[in-house]
Amino acid sequence: MSERTRGEHARAQLVEAAIRLLADGGAEALQARKLAAEIGASTMAVYTHFGGMAALTEAVAREGFRRLIANMATVGQTADPVADLYGLALAYRRTAVEHPELFTLMFREAGASGQAVSDMVKDKPDSEAATSFRGMVSAVERAIEAGRLKGDPPSVASQVWSGVHGYVTLELLGHFGRGDRGVTEVLAPLCVTLIVGLGDSPAASRASVGLITTTE
């Protein structure tokens, strides 16, 4: 194994160890000593491979966005772009439910610079955070081209994202009960409200989100 390969392997081990510690003990558990113990190394491993905890935390956040992108990628394109957009909302929520502590950390890190997401897409187009947002913008563009939504795609995507993220944040705090109850009672109706406000008809949006059938 080359030196470069060993370094990449060690960095990956530290990131995975950090995600496990996050899941078990929250952000307070992210300590060099605990990370080193988790992979059977000395604390110097953190500084050797990342230069410190700040860079390691950033790498963990980037891995979180890669998992979000992977979940979003499972949503295919159908003849109904609004249904696809709702599918992305569910994928977004699934990421949060699967990795709640990681989800919180990744958005805290992404927002730490105070840079607007639209500027991030322009300035750092290859970043994981920008890539995840572009996925939502692309879905919105399809809905606009189909005549279902109106507006500037990045602005519309930001509004949808804000609504879904707000719901997800409250769900993670336990405000909508356990299981998928909140999805049916809150998230789906919220998405319909957002979509109608952005130009769709109530009947079409409810059908796309699955609250009614197209024959109702």
Protein backbone atom coordinates (compact mmCIF):
# COMPACT_ATOMS: atom_id res chain seq x y z
CA MET A 1 0.00 0.00 0.00
CA SER A 2 1.43 3.37 -1.00
CA GLU A 3 1.89 6.24 1.44
CA ARG A 4 -0.89 8.16 -0.28
CA THR A 5 -3.27 5.20 -0.08
CA ARG A 6 -2.47 4.71 3.61
CA GLY A 7 -3.17 8.38 4.23
CA GLU A 8 -6.51 8.22 2.42
CA HIS A 9 -7.44 5.10 4.35
CA ALA A 10 -6.57 6.74 7.68
CA ARG A 11 -8.58 9.86 6.81
CA ALA A 12 -11.58 7.74 5.86
CA GLN A 13 -11.27 5.80 9.12
CA LEU A 14 -11.23 9.01 11.14
CA VAL A 15 -14.26 10.41 9.33
CA GLU A 16 -16.24 7.20 9.88
CA ALA A 17 -15.15 7.13 13.52
CA ALA A 18 -16.31 10.72 13.92
CA ILE A 19 -19.72 9.86 12.46
CA ARG A 20 -20.08 6.98 14.92
CA LEU A 21 -19.14 9.22 17.84
CA LEU A 22 -21.60 11.85 16.62
CA ALA A 23 -24.39 9.30 16.50
CA ASP A 24 -23.62 8.03 19.98
CA GLY A 25 -22.73 11.22 21.83
CA GLY A 26 -23.50 14.27 19.73
CA ALA A 27 -21.11 17.04 18.74
CA GLU A 28 -19.55 17.06 22.23
CA ALA A 29 -18.14 13.60 21.53
CA LEU A 30 -15.96 14.88 18.68
CA GLN A 31 -12.63 14.98 20.50
CA ALA A 32 -9.20 14.04 19.17
CA ARG A 33 -8.62 11.65 22.07
CA LYS A 34 -11.89 9.78 21.50
CA LEU A 35 -11.36 9.64 17.75
CA ALA A 36 -7.89 8.21 18.15
CA ALA A 37 -9.15 5.59 20.58
CA GLU A 38 -11.93 4.67 18.18
CA ILE A 39 -9.45 3.67 15.46
CA GLY A 40 -6.68 2.45 17.78
CA ALA A 41 -4.24 5.28 17.07
CA SER A 42 -2.66 8.18 18.92
CA THR A 43 -4.18 11.66 18.96
CA MET A 44 -1.44 12.73 16.54
CA ALA A 45 -3.37 10.89 13.82
CA VAL A 46 -5.95 13.68 13.76
CA TYR A 47 -3.27 16.34 13.32
CA THR A 48 -1.18 14.30 10.90
CA HIS A 49 -4.06 13.64 8.50
CA PHE A 50 -6.24 16.73 8.99
CA GLY A 51 -4.12 19.33 10.74
CA GLY A 52 -6.66 19.60 13.55
CA MET A 53 -10.26 19.08 14.58
CA ALA A 54 -11.63 21.94 12.48
CA ALA A 55 -10.56 20.35 9.20
CA LEU A 56 -11.74 16.93 10.36
CA THR A 57 -15.15 18.35 11.26
CA GLU A 58 -15.36 19.92 7.81
CA ALA A 59 -14.55 16.54 6.24
CA VAL A 60 -17.31 14.92 8.30
CA ALA A 61 -19.78 17.55 7.08
CA ARG A 62 -18.74 16.89 3.49
CA GLU A 63 -19.38 13.17 4.00
CA GLY A 64 -22.82 14.06 5.33
CA PHE A 65 -23.61 15.94 2.14
CA ARG A 66 -22.34 13.01 0.08
CA ARG A 67 -24.88 10.81 1.87
CA LEU A 68 -27.60 13.37 1.18
CA ILE A 69 -26.63 13.41 -2.52
CA ALA A 70 -26.74 9.60 -2.60
CA ASN A 71 -30.24 9.58 -1.11
CA MET A 72 -31.41 12.24 -3.57
CA ALA A 73 -29.94 10.22 -6.43
CA THR A 74 -32.38 7.39 -5.66
CA VAL A 75 -35.23 9.66 -6.80
CA GLY A 76 -35.71 9.06 -10.50
CA GLN A 77 -37.27 11.35 -13.07
CA THR A 78 -40.86 10.62 -14.02
CA ALA A 79 -43.47 12.37 -16.14
CA ASP A 80 -44.53 14.28 -13.01
CA PRO A 81 -41.78 16.75 -11.99
CA VAL A 82 -43.69 17.90 -8.91
CA ALA A 83 -43.93 14.32 -7.66
CA ASP A 84 -40.18 14.06 -8.24
CA LEU A 85 -39.61 17.25 -6.26
CA TYR A 86 -41.64 15.79 -3.38
CA GLY A 87 -39.54 12.65 -3.68
CA LEU A 88 -36.44 14.78 -3.11
CA ALA A 89 -38.08 16.24 -0.01
CA LEU A 90 -38.62 12.73 1.32
CA ALA A 91 -35.01 11.80 0.50
CA TYR A 92 -33.85 14.92 2.35
CA ARG A 93 -35.94 13.93 5.35
CA ARG A 94 -34.66 10.34 5.19
CA THR A 95 -31.07 11.56 5.41
CA ALA A 96 -31.91 13.52 8.54
CA VAL A 97 -33.75 10.63 10.20
CA GLU A 98 -30.94 8.18 9.41
CA HIS A 99 -28.17 10.50 10.66
CA PRO A 100 -29.69 13.22 12.88
CA GLU A 101 -26.49 14.39 14.55
CA LEU A 102 -24.56 14.34 11.27
CA PHE A 103 -27.39 16.22 9.56
CA THR A 104 -27.24 18.98 12.18
CA LEU A 105 -23.45 19.24 11.95
CA MET A 106 -23.29 19.36 8.15
CA PHE A 107 -25.64 22.32 7.86
CA ARG A 108 -24.01 24.12 10.75
CA GLU A 109 -20.65 23.76 9.03
CA ALA A 110 -22.00 24.74 5.62
CA GLY A 111 -23.57 27.88 7.04
CA ALA A 112 -20.64 28.89 9.23
CA SER A 113 -19.16 31.15 6.53
CA GLY A 114 -22.37 33.15 6.22
CA GLN A 115 -22.28 32.66 2.44
CA ALA A 116 -25.65 32.47 0.70
CA VAL A 117 -26.28 29.10 -0.92
CA SER A 118 -26.75 30.77 -4.33
CA ASP A 119 -23.28 32.31 -3.99
CA MET A 120 -21.86 28.98 -2.87
CA VAL A 121 -23.17 27.34 -6.04
CA LYS A 122 -21.33 29.98 -8.10
CA ASP A 123 -18.13 30.14 -6.05
CA LYS A 124 -17.78 26.48 -5.05
CA PRO A 125 -19.72 24.57 -7.72
CA ASP A 126 -17.97 21.28 -6.99
CA SER A 127 -18.62 21.32 -3.25
CA GLU A 128 -20.94 18.67 -1.87
CA ALA A 129 -23.30 21.27 -0.38
CA ALA A 130 -23.62 23.05 -3.75
CA THR A 131 -24.15 19.74 -5.56
CA SER A 132 -27.00 18.77 -3.25
CA PHE A 133 -28.71 22.13 -3.77
CA ARG A 134 -28.30 21.93 -7.55
CA GLY A 135 -30.23 18.66 -7.47
CA MET A 136 -33.22 20.50 -6.05
CA VAL A 137 -32.80 23.39 -8.49
CA SER A 138 -32.82 20.94 -11.41
CA ALA A 139 -36.08 19.41 -10.19
CA VAL A 140 -37.61 22.87 -9.86
CA GLU A 141 -36.48 23.77 -13.39
CA ARG A 142 -38.31 20.72 -14.75
CA ALA A 143 -41.46 21.73 -12.88
CA ILE A 144 -41.24 25.28 -14.26
CA GLU A 145 -40.70 24.01 -17.81
CA ALA A 146 -43.79 21.80 -17.40
CA GLY A 147 -45.82 24.86 -16.43
CA ARG A 148 -46.43 23.63 -12.90
CA LEU A 149 -44.37 26.24 -11.03
CA LYS A 150 -43.40 29.85 -11.65
CA GLY A 151 -40.36 31.90 -10.67
CA ASP A 152 -36.58 31.90 -10.69
CA PRO A 153 -35.38 28.30 -10.16
CA PRO A 154 -32.77 29.01 -7.43
CA SER A 155 -35.24 31.22 -5.55
CA VAL A 156 -38.05 28.66 -5.82
CA ALA A 157 -35.69 25.86 -4.76
CA SER A 158 -34.58 27.93 -1.76
CA GLN A 159 -38.19 28.38 -0.67
CA VAL A 160 -38.96 24.67 -0.97
CA TRP A 161 -35.72 23.82 0.83
CA SER A 162 -36.52 26.26 3.65
CA GLY A 163 -39.93 24.71 4.21
CA VAL A 164 -38.68 21.13 4.14
CA HIS A 165 -35.66 21.88 6.32
CA GLY A 166 -37.85 23.61 8.88
CA TYR A 167 -40.13 20.59 9.05
CA VAL A 168 -37.20 18.18 9.34
CA THR A 169 -35.59 20.23 12.11
CA LEU A 170 -38.79 20.15 14.17
CA GLU A 171 -39.29 16.43 13.53
CA LEU A 172 -35.79 15.65 14.77
CA LEU A 173 -36.64 17.52 17.97
CA GLY A 174 -39.64 15.22 18.46
CA HIS A 175 -42.45 17.66 17.68
CA PHE A 176 -44.30 15.41 15.24
CA GLY A 177 -44.20 12.12 17.12
CA ARG A 178 -42.53 8.90 16.09
CA GLY A 179 -42.42 7.11 12.77
CA ASP A 180 -43.90 8.63 9.63
CA ARG A 181 -46.90 10.28 11.22
CA GLY A 182 -45.48 13.75 10.67
CA VAL A 183 -44.91 13.06 6.98
CA THR A 184 -48.59 12.38 6.40
CA GLU A 185 -50.00 15.01 8.74
CA VAL A 186 -47.50 17.83 8.24
CA LEU A 187 -44.83 17.42 5.55
CA ALA A 188 -47.11 16.37 2.68
CA PRO A 189 -49.69 19.15 3.32
CA LEU A 190 -46.83 21.64 3.80
CA CYS A 191 -45.37 20.72 0.42
CA VAL A 192 -48.78 21.13 -1.22
CA THR A 193 -49.12 24.59 0.33
CA LEU A 194 -45.67 25.56 -0.90
CA ILE A 195 -46.23 24.18 -4.39
CA VAL A 196 -49.62 25.87 -4.78
CA GLY A 197 -48.12 29.15 -3.61
CA LEU A 198 -45.42 28.75 -6.26
CA GLY A 199 -47.93 28.44 -9.08
CA ASP A 200 -49.40 24.92 -9.20
CA SER A 201 -53.10 24.12 -8.97
CA PRO A 202 -54.34 22.63 -5.67
CA ALA A 203 -55.72 19.50 -7.34
CA ALA A 204 -52.56 18.83 -9.34
CA SER A 205 -50.25 19.41 -6.39
CA ARG A 206 -52.28 17.18 -4.08
CA ALA A 207 -52.24 14.43 -6.69
CA SER A 208 -48.47 14.73 -7.16
CA VAL A 209 -47.79 14.60 -3.43
CA GLY A 210 -50.14 11.63 -3.09
CA LEU A 211 -52.81 13.17 -0.88
CA ILE A 212 -55.49 12.40 -3.47
CA THR A 213 -55.66 10.39 -6.68
CA THR A 214 -55.87 12.01 -10.08
CA THR A 215 -59.46 10.73 -10.44
CA GLU A 216 -60.74 12.48 -7.32
